[in-house]
């Protein structure tokens, strides 16, 4: 699909997964309520380092029980809702939700690492969307302060369950294998020049 075609689709609503999947212009998008959202700019170096460190810690303690995936991968929540969380955990007894297209259904955990361009989308829009589609747990990581907010689904909405920073052991009532601190993550992030 040409760039003009995808630009036209950015203004449309009522789009489906098939419309979304047909776009091949080199950009990353999410499909939110049938409307394309451009994922731009690309994640920062610090964002990617935090993602890698978290994946490494998940792999160390959780890989025997969970499939651990990082963006970009489609989480297809419905024909009009396709998201690309930064990190995703799916319990191995639910491997049936993995397909060649992506993850088709609610993962056990999604993690978003904030950036200036995604702040409102991650803290407001995705909070509502992930709750609506019954994802049991949602974490938001603030990369500057190294704070992790843990949201647990209570009925049809998320409740802030805990906030972790520094040497506090990150734990989860739903994912018992989690075992790291935000200091474990942040201490491995080098100082990056502006």
Protein backbone atom coordinates (compact mmCIF):
# COMPACT_ATOMS: atom_id res chain seq x y z
CA UNK A 1 0.00 0.00 0.00
CA UNK A 2 1.36 3.43 -0.88
CA UNK A 3 2.07 6.10 1.70
CA UNK A 4 -0.81 8.24 0.39
CA UNK A 5 -3.14 5.29 0.78
CA UNK A 6 -2.11 4.76 4.40
CA UNK A 7 -2.40 8.51 5.07
CA UNK A 8 -5.97 8.33 3.74
CA UNK A 9 -6.68 5.37 6.03
CA UNK A 10 -5.45 7.38 9.06
CA UNK A 11 -8.54 9.58 8.61
CA UNK A 12 -10.98 6.68 8.24
CA UNK A 13 -12.95 4.94 10.96
CA UNK A 14 -14.57 1.53 10.92
CA UNK A 15 -11.38 -0.15 9.76
CA UNK A 16 -10.81 -3.85 10.44
CA UNK A 17 -7.83 -6.07 11.07
CA UNK A 18 -7.76 -6.87 7.34
CA UNK A 19 -7.45 -3.15 6.47
CA UNK A 20 -4.75 -2.74 9.11
CA UNK A 21 -2.82 -5.82 7.94
CA UNK A 22 -2.84 -4.60 4.32
CA UNK A 23 -0.75 -1.51 5.16
CA UNK A 24 2.89 -1.93 4.22
CA UNK A 25 4.45 1.53 4.22
CA UNK A 26 7.31 0.97 6.68
CA UNK A 27 5.47 2.54 9.64
CA UNK A 28 4.01 0.86 12.70
CA UNK A 29 0.36 1.38 13.55
CA UNK A 30 -2.20 0.28 16.09
CA UNK A 31 -5.88 -0.12 15.34
CA UNK A 32 -7.89 1.56 18.09
CA UNK A 33 -11.65 1.29 17.85
CA UNK A 34 -11.47 0.88 14.09
CA UNK A 35 -9.13 3.84 13.56
CA UNK A 36 -5.42 3.72 12.72
CA UNK A 37 -2.97 5.33 15.15
CA UNK A 38 0.56 5.94 13.90
CA UNK A 39 3.19 4.67 16.34
CA UNK A 40 5.72 7.41 15.87
CA UNK A 41 8.48 8.24 16.54
CA UNK A 42 10.28 4.97 17.08
CA UNK A 43 11.09 4.10 20.71
CA UNK A 44 14.14 5.73 22.26
CA UNK A 45 17.34 3.87 23.06
CA UNK A 46 16.55 3.99 26.80
CA UNK A 47 13.06 2.60 26.11
CA UNK A 48 14.56 -0.31 24.17
CA UNK A 49 17.22 -0.99 26.84
CA UNK A 50 14.54 -1.13 29.55
CA UNK A 51 12.47 -3.46 27.39
CA UNK A 52 15.47 -5.74 26.86
CA UNK A 53 16.33 -5.81 30.58
CA UNK A 54 12.75 -6.63 31.52
CA UNK A 55 12.61 -9.40 28.90
CA UNK A 56 15.86 -10.80 30.26
CA UNK A 57 14.49 -10.88 33.82
CA UNK A 58 11.19 -12.40 32.68
CA UNK A 59 13.10 -15.04 30.73
CA UNK A 60 15.26 -15.89 33.73
CA UNK A 61 12.35 -16.60 36.06
CA UNK A 62 9.22 -17.08 33.94
CA UNK A 63 10.08 -18.74 30.62
CA UNK A 64 9.14 -22.24 31.78
CA UNK A 65 5.58 -21.03 32.46
CA UNK A 66 5.12 -18.12 30.05
CA UNK A 67 5.69 -17.18 26.43
CA UNK A 68 7.49 -13.80 26.58
CA UNK A 69 7.20 -11.51 23.58
CA UNK A 70 8.26 -7.97 22.79
CA UNK A 71 7.02 -5.40 20.29
CA UNK A 72 6.35 -5.29 17.50
CA UNK A 73 3.72 -8.04 17.62
CA UNK A 74 0.01 -7.66 17.07
CA UNK A 75 -2.30 -8.29 19.99
CA UNK A 76 -5.59 -8.76 18.16
CA UNK A 77 -8.29 -8.04 20.73
CA UNK A 78 -11.11 -7.79 18.17
CA UNK A 79 -11.52 -7.15 14.44
CA UNK A 80 -11.29 -3.40 15.16
CA UNK A 81 -8.78 -3.38 18.06
CA UNK A 82 -5.14 -4.32 17.45
CA UNK A 83 -2.46 -3.15 19.88
CA UNK A 84 1.31 -3.57 20.12
CA UNK A 85 2.33 -3.52 23.80
CA UNK A 86 6.04 -3.27 24.54
CA UNK A 87 6.08 -6.61 26.41
CA UNK A 88 3.57 -9.44 26.60
CA UNK A 89 3.31 -12.58 28.73
CA UNK A 90 1.02 -15.46 27.78
CA UNK A 91 0.80 -18.50 30.06
CA UNK A 92 1.88 -21.67 28.27
CA UNK A 93 -1.45 -23.34 29.06
CA UNK A 94 -3.07 -20.63 26.88
CA UNK A 95 -0.74 -21.05 23.90
CA UNK A 96 -3.83 -21.52 21.73
CA UNK A 97 -4.22 -17.70 21.54
CA UNK A 98 -0.93 -17.47 19.59
CA UNK A 99 -1.28 -17.59 15.81
CA UNK A 100 0.82 -16.69 12.80
CA UNK A 101 -0.94 -13.28 12.79
CA UNK A 102 -0.04 -12.51 16.41
CA UNK A 103 -1.79 -12.96 19.73
CA UNK A 104 -5.53 -13.41 19.24
CA UNK A 105 -7.12 -12.65 22.58
CA UNK A 106 -6.15 -11.26 25.97
CA UNK A 107 -2.58 -11.97 27.15
CA UNK A 108 -1.93 -12.53 30.86
CA UNK A 109 0.20 -9.38 31.17
CA UNK A 110 0.95 -6.39 28.97
CA UNK A 111 3.66 -3.84 29.73
CA UNK A 112 3.97 -0.36 28.26
CA UNK A 113 7.14 1.70 28.67
CA UNK A 114 6.20 5.37 28.52
CA UNK A 115 7.55 7.92 26.11
CA UNK A 116 6.46 11.52 25.58
CA UNK A 117 4.62 10.58 22.39
CA UNK A 118 2.71 7.72 24.05
CA UNK A 119 1.99 9.12 27.53
CA UNK A 120 -1.75 9.80 27.15
CA UNK A 121 -2.33 6.76 24.93
CA UNK A 122 -0.66 4.42 27.46
CA UNK A 123 -2.02 5.94 30.68
CA UNK A 124 -5.58 6.68 29.53
CA UNK A 125 -6.61 5.01 26.26
CA UNK A 126 -4.82 1.70 26.69
CA UNK A 127 -5.79 1.49 30.36
CA UNK A 128 -9.45 1.54 29.28
CA UNK A 129 -8.92 -0.70 26.25
CA UNK A 130 -6.94 -3.39 28.04
CA UNK A 131 -9.52 -3.45 30.85
CA UNK A 132 -12.38 -3.67 28.36
CA UNK A 133 -10.77 -6.72 26.74
CA UNK A 134 -10.16 -8.31 30.16
CA UNK A 135 -6.35 -8.41 30.23
CA UNK A 136 -5.79 -9.41 33.88
CA UNK A 137 -2.71 -7.27 34.49
CA UNK A 138 -1.21 -4.11 32.99
CA UNK A 139 2.11 -2.55 33.94
CA UNK A 140 3.23 0.97 33.05
CA UNK A 141 6.94 1.75 33.35
CA UNK A 142 8.16 5.33 33.61
CA UNK A 143 11.70 5.24 32.18
CA UNK A 144 13.08 8.46 33.69
CA UNK A 145 12.23 7.63 37.31
CA UNK A 146 12.33 3.84 36.97
CA UNK A 147 8.87 3.50 38.52
CA UNK A 148 6.58 0.60 37.65
CA UNK A 149 2.82 0.99 38.18
CA UNK A 150 0.99 -2.34 38.49
CA UNK A 151 -2.69 -2.38 37.54
CA UNK A 152 -4.88 -5.40 38.30
CA UNK A 153 -8.24 -5.96 36.65
CA UNK A 154 -11.10 -5.68 39.14
CA UNK A 155 -14.35 -6.46 37.33
CA UNK A 156 -14.31 -4.28 34.20
CA UNK A 157 -11.66 -1.73 35.21
CA UNK A 158 -8.13 -1.57 36.50
CA UNK A 159 -7.18 -0.67 40.04
CA UNK A 160 -3.70 0.57 40.82
CA UNK A 161 -2.50 -2.39 42.88
CA UNK A 162 1.09 -1.40 43.61
CA UNK A 163 3.92 0.94 42.66
CA UNK A 164 7.49 -0.34 42.60
CA UNK A 165 10.77 1.56 42.56
CA UNK A 166 14.37 1.04 43.55
CA UNK A 167 15.07 -2.12 45.55
CA UNK A 168 11.43 -3.09 46.15
CA UNK A 169 10.80 -6.60 44.84
CA UNK A 170 8.36 -6.49 41.94
CA UNK A 171 5.73 -9.16 42.47
CA UNK A 172 2.37 -10.06 41.04
CA UNK A 173 -0.68 -11.80 42.47
CA UNK A 174 -1.30 -13.33 39.01
CA UNK A 175 2.24 -14.11 37.85
CA UNK A 176 4.15 -15.68 40.77
CA UNK A 177 7.37 -16.23 38.81
CA UNK A 178 8.12 -12.47 38.62
CA UNK A 179 11.24 -11.74 40.65
CA UNK A 180 13.24 -8.57 40.03
CA UNK A 181 13.53 -5.01 41.27
CA UNK A 182 13.40 -1.85 39.22
CA UNK A 183 16.97 -1.21 40.42
CA UNK A 184 17.92 -4.51 38.70
CA UNK A 185 16.52 -3.01 35.51
CA UNK A 186 17.61 0.61 35.80
CA UNK A 187 21.15 -0.10 37.07
CA UNK A 188 21.87 -1.80 33.74
CA UNK A 189 20.82 1.22 31.67
CA UNK A 190 23.89 3.26 30.70
CA UNK A 191 23.86 7.04 30.68
CA UNK A 192 22.92 7.96 27.13
CA UNK A 193 23.82 11.37 25.74
CA UNK A 194 20.99 13.56 24.42
